[in-house]
Amino acid sequence: MKAKDFDSKFDQDQSDVIEDLDLTSARRVNQQQKRINVDFPSWVVESLDREAARIGVTRQSIIKVWLVERLQAEASNKRTSGDSTNGAH
């Protein structure tokens, strides 16, 4: 199917276009997974488990969310500060 035919079908809402896609080759850009191992003290793991249980997610999920939030905040701070440093380290 040509792209313009697919677009037309989607725009006209004739049917579900998902059946026209080959999802076996689909991938999310910048979302490739890479496995790492991190060692934490027992009290950190226990705290993570308590917080994860409190909000109803897995330990891995809470670690991912918190790390992403922190990285985004750091990136935002760097953008708003103009990437300049005042010489303090």
PDB file of N, CA and C in Angstrom:
ATOM      1  N   MET A   1       0.844  -1.169   0.000  1.00  0.00           N
ATOM      2  CA  MET A   1       0.000   0.000   0.000  1.00  0.00           C
ATOM      3  C   MET A   1       0.896   1.241   0.000  1.00  0.00           C
ATOM      4  N   LYS A   2       0.553   2.185  -0.829  1.00  0.00           N
ATOM      5  CA  LYS A   2       1.319   3.423  -0.898  1.00  0.00           C
ATOM      6  C   LYS A   2       0.956   4.317   0.287  1.00  0.00           C
ATOM      7  N   ALA A   3       1.891   5.183   0.650  1.00  0.00           N
ATOM      8  CA  ALA A   3       1.694   6.064   1.804  1.00  0.00           C
ATOM      9  C   ALA A   3       0.459   6.935   1.643  1.00  0.00           C
ATOM     10  N   LYS A   4       0.234   7.456   0.448  1.00  0.00           N
ATOM     11  CA  LYS A   4      -0.934   8.325   0.264  1.00  0.00           C
ATOM     12  C   LYS A   4      -2.233   7.541   0.432  1.00  0.00           C
ATOM     13  N   ASP A   5      -2.236   6.259   0.017  1.00  0.00           N
ATOM     14  CA  ASP A   5      -3.434   5.422   0.209  1.00  0.00           C
ATOM     15  C   ASP A   5      -3.656   5.138   1.697  1.00  0.00           C
ATOM     16  N   PHE A   6      -2.565   4.873   2.383  1.00  0.00           N
ATOM     17  CA  PHE A   6      -2.655   4.631   3.825  1.00  0.00           C
ATOM     18  C   PHE A   6      -3.173   5.876   4.538  1.00  0.00           C
ATOM     19  N   ASP A   7      -2.605   7.043   4.203  1.00  0.00           N
ATOM     20  CA  ASP A   7      -3.048   8.302   4.805  1.00  0.00           C
ATOM     21  C   ASP A   7      -4.519   8.563   4.530  1.00  0.00           C
ATOM     22  N   SER A   8      -4.923   8.307   3.313  1.00  0.00           N
ATOM     23  CA  SER A   8      -6.321   8.524   2.934  1.00  0.00           C
ATOM     24  C   SER A   8      -7.236   7.603   3.733  1.00  0.00           C
ATOM     25  N   LYS A   9      -6.848   6.348   3.858  1.00  0.00           N
ATOM     26  CA  LYS A   9      -7.638   5.389   4.624  1.00  0.00           C
ATOM     27  C   LYS A   9      -7.736   5.832   6.078  1.00  0.00           C
ATOM     28  N   PHE A  10      -6.624   6.291   6.628  1.00  0.00           N
ATOM     29  CA  PHE A  10      -6.614   6.762   8.005  1.00  0.00           C
ATOM     30  C   PHE A  10      -7.509   7.992   8.158  1.00  0.00           C
ATOM     31  N   ASP A  11      -7.362   8.948   7.252  1.00  0.00           N
ATOM     32  CA  ASP A  11      -8.131  10.192   7.322  1.00  0.00           C
ATOM     33  C   ASP A  11      -9.627   9.955   7.158  1.00  0.00           C
ATOM     34  N   GLN A  12      -9.987   9.004   6.324  1.00  0.00           N
ATOM     35  CA  GLN A  12     -11.398   8.729   6.086  1.00  0.00           C
ATOM     36  C   GLN A  12     -12.002   7.823   7.146  1.00  0.00           C
ATOM     37  N   ASP A  13     -11.146   7.279   8.003  1.00  0.00           N
ATOM     38  CA  ASP A  13     -11.603   6.397   9.077  1.00  0.00           C
ATOM     39  C   ASP A  13     -12.461   5.255   8.549  1.00  0.00           C
ATOM     40  N   GLN A  14     -12.048   4.717   7.389  1.00  0.00           N
ATOM     41  CA  GLN A  14     -12.799   3.622   6.780  1.00  0.00           C
ATOM     42  C   GLN A  14     -12.721   2.353   7.623  1.00  0.00           C
ATOM     43  N   SER A  15     -11.574   2.113   8.180  1.00  0.00           N
ATOM     44  CA  SER A  15     -11.399   0.924   9.003  1.00  0.00           C
ATOM     45  C   SER A  15     -10.152   1.097   9.849  1.00  0.00           C
ATOM     46  N   ASP A  16      -9.900   0.121  10.656  1.00  0.00           N
ATOM     47  CA  ASP A  16      -8.723   0.143  11.509  1.00  0.00           C
ATOM     48  C   ASP A  16      -7.480  -0.072  10.644  1.00  0.00           C
ATOM     49  N   VAL A  17      -6.574   0.890  10.630  1.00  0.00           N
ATOM     50  CA  VAL A  17      -5.374   0.796   9.788  1.00  0.00           C
ATOM     51  C   VAL A  17      -4.294  -0.081  10.414  1.00  0.00           C
ATOM     52  N   ILE A  18      -4.476  -0.477  11.654  1.00  0.00           N
ATOM     53  CA  ILE A  18      -3.455  -1.283  12.323  1.00  0.00           C
ATOM     54  C   ILE A  18      -3.205  -2.594  11.588  1.00  0.00           C
ATOM     55  N   GLU A  19      -4.227  -3.120  10.946  1.00  0.00           N
ATOM     56  CA  GLU A  19      -4.053  -4.378  10.211  1.00  0.00           C
ATOM     57  C   GLU A  19      -3.198  -4.189   8.959  1.00  0.00           C
ATOM     58  N   ASP A  20      -2.985  -2.971   8.536  1.00  0.00           N
ATOM     59  CA  ASP A  20      -2.147  -2.690   7.375  1.00  0.00           C
ATOM     60  C   ASP A  20      -0.687  -2.456   7.752  1.00  0.00           C
ATOM     61  N   LEU A  21      -0.364  -2.523   9.007  1.00  0.00           N
ATOM     62  CA  LEU A  21       1.002  -2.275   9.466  1.00  0.00           C
ATOM     63  C   LEU A  21       1.716  -3.580   9.765  1.00  0.00           C
ATOM     64  N   ASP A  22       3.006  -3.602   9.492  1.00  0.00           N
ATOM     65  CA  ASP A  22       3.859  -4.732   9.868  1.00  0.00           C
ATOM     66  C   ASP A  22       4.520  -4.369  11.188  1.00  0.00           C
ATOM     67  N   LEU A  23       3.923  -4.788  12.290  1.00  0.00           N
ATOM     68  CA  LEU A  23       4.413  -4.413  13.609  1.00  0.00           C
ATOM     69  C   LEU A  23       5.639  -5.203  14.042  1.00  0.00           C
ATOM     70  N   THR A  24       6.005  -6.227  13.279  1.00  0.00           N
ATOM     71  CA  THR A  24       7.193  -7.009  13.647  1.00  0.00           C
ATOM     72  C   THR A  24       8.466  -6.189  13.482  1.00  0.00           C
ATOM     73  N   SER A  25       8.424  -5.180  12.632  1.00  0.00           N
ATOM     74  CA  SER A  25       9.617  -4.355  12.431  1.00  0.00           C
ATOM     75  C   SER A  25       9.488  -2.981  13.095  1.00  0.00           C
ATOM     76  N   ALA A  26       8.416  -2.773  13.836  1.00  0.00           N
ATOM     77  CA  ALA A  26       8.203  -1.481  14.486  1.00  0.00           C
ATOM     78  C   ALA A  26       9.184  -1.299  15.637  1.00  0.00           C
ATOM     79  N   ARG A  27       9.626  -0.061  15.817  1.00  0.00           N
ATOM     80  CA  ARG A  27      10.484   0.242  16.955  1.00  0.00           C
ATOM     81  C   ARG A  27      10.243   1.685  17.368  1.00  0.00           C
ATOM     82  N   ARG A  28      10.507   1.964  18.611  1.00  0.00           N
ATOM     83  CA  ARG A  28      10.361   3.309  19.140  1.00  0.00           C
ATOM     84  C   ARG A  28      11.719   3.992  19.092  1.00  0.00           C
ATOM     85  N   VAL A  29      11.769   5.125  18.472  1.00  0.00           N
ATOM     86  CA  VAL A  29      13.020   5.851  18.331  1.00  0.00           C
ATOM     87  C   VAL A  29      13.524   6.265  19.711  1.00  0.00           C
ATOM     88  N   ASN A  30      14.798   6.081  19.926  1.00  0.00           N
ATOM     89  CA  ASN A  30      15.460   6.445  21.192  1.00  0.00           C
ATOM     90  C   ASN A  30      14.947   5.649  22.387  1.00  0.00           C
ATOM     91  N   GLN A  31      14.354   4.510  22.160  1.00  0.00           N
ATOM     92  CA  GLN A  31      13.800   3.725  23.254  1.00  0.00           C
ATOM     93  C   GLN A  31      14.405   2.324  23.326  1.00  0.00           C
ATOM     94  N   GLN A  32      15.517   2.107  22.649  1.00  0.00           N
ATOM     95  CA  GLN A  32      16.161   0.803  22.678  1.00  0.00           C
ATOM     96  C   GLN A  32      16.620   0.504  24.098  1.00  0.00           C
ATOM     97  N   GLN A  33      16.340  -0.679  24.562  1.00  0.00           N
ATOM     98  CA  GLN A  33      16.661  -1.069  25.925  1.00  0.00           C
ATOM     99  C   GLN A  33      18.110  -1.543  26.027  1.00  0.00           C
ATOM    100  N   LYS A  34      18.731  -1.244  27.143  1.00  0.00           N
ATOM    101  CA  LYS A  34      20.068  -1.733  27.448  1.00  0.00           C
ATOM    102  C   LYS A  34      20.071  -2.129  28.922  1.00  0.00           C
ATOM    103  N   ARG A  35      20.466  -3.344  29.184  1.00  0.00           N
ATOM    104  CA  ARG A  35      20.444  -3.864  30.538  1.00  0.00           C
ATOM    105  C   ARG A  35      21.708  -3.449  31.292  1.00  0.00           C
ATOM    106  N   ILE A  36      21.501  -2.999  32.537  1.00  0.00           N
ATOM    107  CA  ILE A  36      22.624  -2.684  33.422  1.00  0.00           C
ATOM    108  C   ILE A  36      22.349  -3.295  34.789  1.00  0.00           C
ATOM    109  N   ASN A  37      23.379  -3.445  35.560  1.00  0.00           N
ATOM    110  CA  ASN A  37      23.242  -3.905  36.942  1.00  0.00           C
ATOM    111  C   ASN A  37      23.713  -2.795  37.864  1.00  0.00           C
ATOM    112  N   VAL A  38      22.945  -2.542  38.902  1.00  0.00           N
ATOM    113  CA  VAL A  38      23.289  -1.522  39.874  1.00  0.00           C
ATOM    114  C   VAL A  38      23.161  -2.132  41.260  1.00  0.00           C
ATOM    115  N   ASP A  39      24.170  -1.924  42.087  1.00  0.00           N
ATOM    116  CA  ASP A  39      24.124  -2.420  43.463  1.00  0.00           C
ATOM    117  C   ASP A  39      23.704  -1.286  44.386  1.00  0.00           C
ATOM    118  N   PHE A  40      22.706  -1.575  45.243  1.00  0.00           N
ATOM    119  CA  PHE A  40      22.225  -0.609  46.228  1.00  0.00           C
ATOM    120  C   PHE A  40      22.353  -1.220  47.613  1.00  0.00           C
ATOM    121  N   PRO A  41      22.535  -0.397  48.631  1.00  0.00           N
ATOM    122  CA  PRO A  41      22.472  -0.912  49.998  1.00  0.00           C
ATOM    123  C   PRO A  41      21.067  -1.465  50.274  1.00  0.00           C
ATOM    124  N   SER A  42      20.978  -2.387  51.196  1.00  0.00           N
ATOM    125  CA  SER A  42      19.690  -3.026  51.521  1.00  0.00           C
ATOM    126  C   SER A  42      18.621  -2.011  51.882  1.00  0.00           C
ATOM    127  N   TRP A  43      18.989  -0.970  52.656  1.00  0.00           N
ATOM    128  CA  TRP A  43      17.977  -0.007  53.072  1.00  0.00           C
ATOM    129  C   TRP A  43      17.378   0.737  51.884  1.00  0.00           C
ATOM    130  N   VAL A  44      18.180   0.944  50.805  1.00  0.00           N
ATOM    131  CA  VAL A  44      17.667   1.614  49.613  1.00  0.00           C
ATOM    132  C   VAL A  44      16.664   0.711  48.901  1.00  0.00           C
ATOM    133  N   VAL A  45      17.006  -0.572  48.762  1.00  0.00           N
ATOM    134  CA  VAL A  45      16.103  -1.522  48.114  1.00  0.00           C
ATOM    135  C   VAL A  45      14.801  -1.631  48.906  1.00  0.00           C
ATOM    136  N   GLU A  46      14.906  -1.697  50.224  1.00  0.00           N
ATOM    137  CA  GLU A  46      13.701  -1.788  51.061  1.00  0.00           C
ATOM    138  C   GLU A  46      12.845  -0.532  50.918  1.00  0.00           C
ATOM    139  N   SER A  47      13.472   0.625  50.878  1.00  0.00           N
ATOM    140  CA  SER A  47      12.733   1.877  50.694  1.00  0.00           C
ATOM    141  C   SER A  47      12.077   1.932  49.319  1.00  0.00           C
ATOM    142  N   LEU A  48      12.797   1.499  48.304  1.00  0.00           N
ATOM    143  CA  LEU A  48      12.227   1.451  46.959  1.00  0.00           C
ATOM    144  C   LEU A  48      11.027   0.522  46.911  1.00  0.00           C
ATOM    145  N   ASP A  49      11.159  -0.637  47.542  1.00  0.00           N
ATOM    146  CA  ASP A  49      10.056  -1.605  47.555  1.00  0.00           C
ATOM    147  C   ASP A  49       8.829  -1.046  48.266  1.00  0.00           C
ATOM    148  N   ARG A  50       9.035  -0.351  49.387  1.00  0.00           N
ATOM    149  CA  ARG A  50       7.903   0.245  50.110  1.00  0.00           C
ATOM    150  C   ARG A  50       7.204   1.290  49.252  1.00  0.00           C
ATOM    151  N   GLU A  51       7.986   2.164  48.644  1.00  0.00           N
ATOM    152  CA  GLU A  51       7.395   3.222  47.815  1.00  0.00           C
ATOM    153  C   GLU A  51       6.716   2.639  46.586  1.00  0.00           C
ATOM    154  N   ALA A  52       7.336   1.641  45.962  1.00  0.00           N
ATOM    155  CA  ALA A  52       6.733   0.993  44.793  1.00  0.00           C
ATOM    156  C   ALA A  52       5.406   0.334  45.169  1.00  0.00           C
ATOM    157  N   ALA A  53       5.369  -0.342  46.310  1.00  0.00           N
ATOM    158  CA  ALA A  53       4.125  -0.982  46.760  1.00  0.00           C
ATOM    159  C   ALA A  53       3.057   0.064  47.066  1.00  0.00           C
ATOM    160  N   ARG A  54       3.486   1.181  47.648  1.00  0.00           N
ATOM    161  CA  ARG A  54       2.530   2.234  48.008  1.00  0.00           C
ATOM    162  C   ARG A  54       1.806   2.785  46.782  1.00  0.00           C
ATOM    163  N   ILE A  55       2.566   2.946  45.675  1.00  0.00           N
ATOM    164  CA  ILE A  55       1.928   3.508  44.483  1.00  0.00           C
ATOM    165  C   ILE A  55       1.520   2.436  43.462  1.00  0.00           C
ATOM    166  N   GLY A  56       1.796   1.169  43.773  1.00  0.00           N
ATOM    167  CA  GLY A  56       1.315   0.060  42.945  1.00  0.00           C
ATOM    168  C   GLY A  56       2.095  -0.190  41.670  1.00  0.00           C
ATOM    169  N   VAL A  57       3.417  -0.042  41.753  1.00  0.00           N
ATOM    170  CA  VAL A  57       4.269  -0.337  40.597  1.00  0.00           C
ATOM    171  C   VAL A  57       5.401  -1.256  41.045  1.00  0.00           C
ATOM    172  N   THR A  58       6.190  -1.703  40.104  1.00  0.00           N
ATOM    173  CA  THR A  58       7.330  -2.556  40.441  1.00  0.00           C
ATOM    174  C   THR A  58       8.530  -1.700  40.848  1.00  0.00           C
ATOM    175  N   ARG A  59       9.474  -2.321  41.493  1.00  0.00           N
ATOM    176  CA  ARG A  59      10.716  -1.641  41.864  1.00  0.00           C
ATOM    177  C   ARG A  59      11.405  -1.083  40.621  1.00  0.00           C
ATOM    178  N   GLN A  60      11.486  -1.885  39.583  1.00  0.00           N
ATOM    179  CA  GLN A  60      12.134  -1.444  38.350  1.00  0.00           C
ATOM    180  C   GLN A  60      11.432  -0.220  37.772  1.00  0.00           C
ATOM    181  N   SER A  61      10.112  -0.211  37.809  1.00  0.00           N
ATOM    182  CA  SER A  61       9.358   0.926  37.270  1.00  0.00           C
ATOM    183  C   SER A  61       9.653   2.210  38.024  1.00  0.00           C
ATOM    184  N   ILE A  62       9.682   2.130  39.339  1.00  0.00           N
ATOM    185  CA  ILE A  62       9.910   3.349  40.116  1.00  0.00           C
ATOM    186  C   ILE A  62      11.328   3.877  39.910  1.00  0.00           C
ATOM    187  N   ILE A  63      12.283   2.971  39.781  1.00  0.00           N
ATOM    188  CA  ILE A  63      13.660   3.396  39.517  1.00  0.00           C
ATOM    189  C   ILE A  63      13.732   4.098  38.167  1.00  0.00           C
ATOM    190  N   LYS A  64      13.109   3.513  37.144  1.00  0.00           N
ATOM    191  CA  LYS A  64      13.124   4.122  35.816  1.00  0.00           C
ATOM    192  C   LYS A  64      12.473   5.499  35.833  1.00  0.00           C
ATOM    193  N   VAL A  65      11.303   5.599  36.434  1.00  0.00           N
ATOM    194  CA  VAL A  65      10.580   6.870  36.460  1.00  0.00           C
ATOM    195  C   VAL A  65      11.390   7.933  37.182  1.00  0.00           C
ATOM    196  N   TRP A  66      11.922   7.599  38.350  1.00  0.00           N
ATOM    197  CA  TRP A  66      12.682   8.578  39.119  1.00  0.00           C
ATOM    198  C   TRP A  66      13.944   9.023  38.385  1.00  0.00           C
ATOM    199  N   LEU A  67      14.634   8.083  37.751  1.00  0.00           N
ATOM    200  CA  LEU A  67      15.844   8.452  37.014  1.00  0.00           C
ATOM    201  C   LEU A  67      15.512   9.361  35.832  1.00  0.00           C
ATOM    202  N   VAL A  68      14.462   9.019  35.100  1.00  0.00           N
ATOM    203  CA  VAL A  68      14.071   9.847  33.960  1.00  0.00           C
ATOM    204  C   VAL A  68      13.661  11.234  34.425  1.00  0.00           C
ATOM    205  N   GLU A  69      12.883  11.308  35.514  1.00  0.00           N
ATOM    206  CA  GLU A  69      12.484  12.614  36.049  1.00  0.00           C
ATOM    207  C   GLU A  69      13.708  13.451  36.413  1.00  0.00           C
ATOM    208  N   ARG A  70      14.673  12.837  37.051  1.00  0.00           N
ATOM    209  CA  ARG A  70      15.883  13.557  37.460  1.00  0.00           C
ATOM    210  C   ARG A  70      16.693  14.017  36.260  1.00  0.00           C
ATOM    211  N   LEU A  71      16.850  13.137  35.267  1.00  0.00           N
ATOM    212  CA  LEU A  71      17.600  13.510  34.071  1.00  0.00           C
ATOM    213  C   LEU A  71      16.916  14.650  33.325  1.00  0.00           C
ATOM    214  N   GLN A  72      15.587  14.606  33.249  1.00  0.00           N
ATOM    215  CA  GLN A  72      14.857  15.689  32.588  1.00  0.00           C
ATOM    216  C   GLN A  72      14.996  16.989  33.365  1.00  0.00           C
ATOM    217  N   ALA A  73      14.948  16.917  34.681  1.00  0.00           N
ATOM    218  CA  ALA A  73      15.104  18.117  35.504  1.00  0.00           C
ATOM    219  C   ALA A  73      16.502  18.703  35.326  1.00  0.00           C
ATOM    220  N   GLU A  74      17.507  17.863  35.307  1.00  0.00           N
ATOM    221  CA  GLU A  74      18.877  18.330  35.109  1.00  0.00           C
ATOM    222  C   GLU A  74      19.031  18.982  33.741  1.00  0.00           C
ATOM    223  N   ALA A  75      18.464  18.365  32.721  1.00  0.00           N
ATOM    224  CA  ALA A  75      18.543  18.925  31.374  1.00  0.00           C
ATOM    225  C   ALA A  75      17.818  20.266  31.319  1.00  0.00           C
ATOM    226  N   SER A  76      16.688  20.358  32.000  1.00  0.00           N
ATOM    227  CA  SER A  76      15.931  21.605  32.041  1.00  0.00           C
ATOM    228  C   SER A  76      16.707  22.691  32.768  1.00  0.00           C
ATOM    229  N   ASN A  77      17.350  22.338  33.872  1.00  0.00           N
ATOM    230  CA  ASN A  77      18.170  23.294  34.621  1.00  0.00           C
ATOM    231  C   ASN A  77      19.316  23.822  33.780  1.00  0.00           C
ATOM    232  N   LYS A  78      19.915  22.964  33.000  1.00  0.00           N
ATOM    233  CA  LYS A  78      21.031  23.379  32.148  1.00  0.00           C
ATOM    234  C   LYS A  78      20.549  24.328  31.064  1.00  0.00           C
ATOM    235  N   ARG A  79      19.348  24.071  30.513  1.00  0.00           N
ATOM    236  CA  ARG A  79      18.815  24.953  29.474  1.00  0.00           C
ATOM    237  C   ARG A  79      18.459  26.321  30.043  1.00  0.00           C
ATOM    238  N   THR A  80      17.862  26.341  31.242  1.00  0.00           N
ATOM    239  CA  THR A  80      17.439  27.625  31.804  1.00  0.00           C
ATOM    240  C   THR A  80      18.608  28.436  32.351  1.00  0.00           C
ATOM    241  N   SER A  81      19.694  27.755  32.708  1.00  0.00           N
ATOM    242  CA  SER A  81      20.860  28.493  33.207  1.00  0.00           C
ATOM    243  C   SER A  81      21.792  28.922  32.081  1.00  0.00           C
ATOM    244  N   GLY A  82      21.436  28.595  30.868  1.00  0.00           N
ATOM    245  CA  GLY A  82      22.232  29.013  29.711  1.00  0.00           C
ATOM    246  C   GLY A  82      23.528  28.257  29.568  1.00  0.00           C
ATOM    247  N   ASP A  83      23.618  27.100  30.210  1.00  0.00           N
ATOM    248  CA  ASP A  83      24.821  26.274  30.121  1.00  0.00           C
ATOM    249  C   ASP A  83      26.073  27.014  30.559  1.00  0.00           C
ATOM    250  N   SER A  84      25.932  28.066  31.319  1.00  0.00           N
ATOM    251  CA  SER A  84      27.117  28.777  31.786  1.00  0.00           C
ATOM    252  C   SER A  84      27.423  28.399  33.223  1.00  0.00           C
ATOM    253  N   THR A  85      28.684  28.397  33.536  1.00  0.00           N
ATOM    254  CA  THR A  85      29.100  28.120  34.907  1.00  0.00           C
ATOM    255  C   THR A  85      29.802  29.338  35.460  1.00  0.00           C
ATOM    256  N   ASN A  86      29.729  29.476  36.768  1.00  0.00           N
ATOM    257  CA  ASN A  86      30.356  30.640  37.377  1.00  0.00           C
ATOM    258  C   ASN A  86      31.721  30.320  37.971  1.00  0.00           C
ATOM    259  N   GLY A  87      32.267  29.171  37.591  1.00  0.00           N
ATOM    260  CA  GLY A  87      33.582  28.796  38.070  1.00  0.00           C
ATOM    261  C   GLY A  87      33.552  27.996  39.349  1.00  0.00           C
ATOM    262  N   ALA A  88      32.395  27.874  39.995  1.00  0.00           N
ATOM    263  CA  ALA A  88      32.286  27.091  41.231  1.00  0.00           C
ATOM    264  C   ALA A  88      32.099  25.628  40.889  1.00  0.00           C
ATOM    265  N   HIS A  89      32.811  24.769  41.571  1.00  0.00           N
ATOM    266  CA  HIS A  89      32.684  23.328  41.339  1.00  0.00           C
ATOM    267  C   HIS A  89      32.368  22.623  42.613  1.00  0.00           C
TER     268      HIS A  89
END
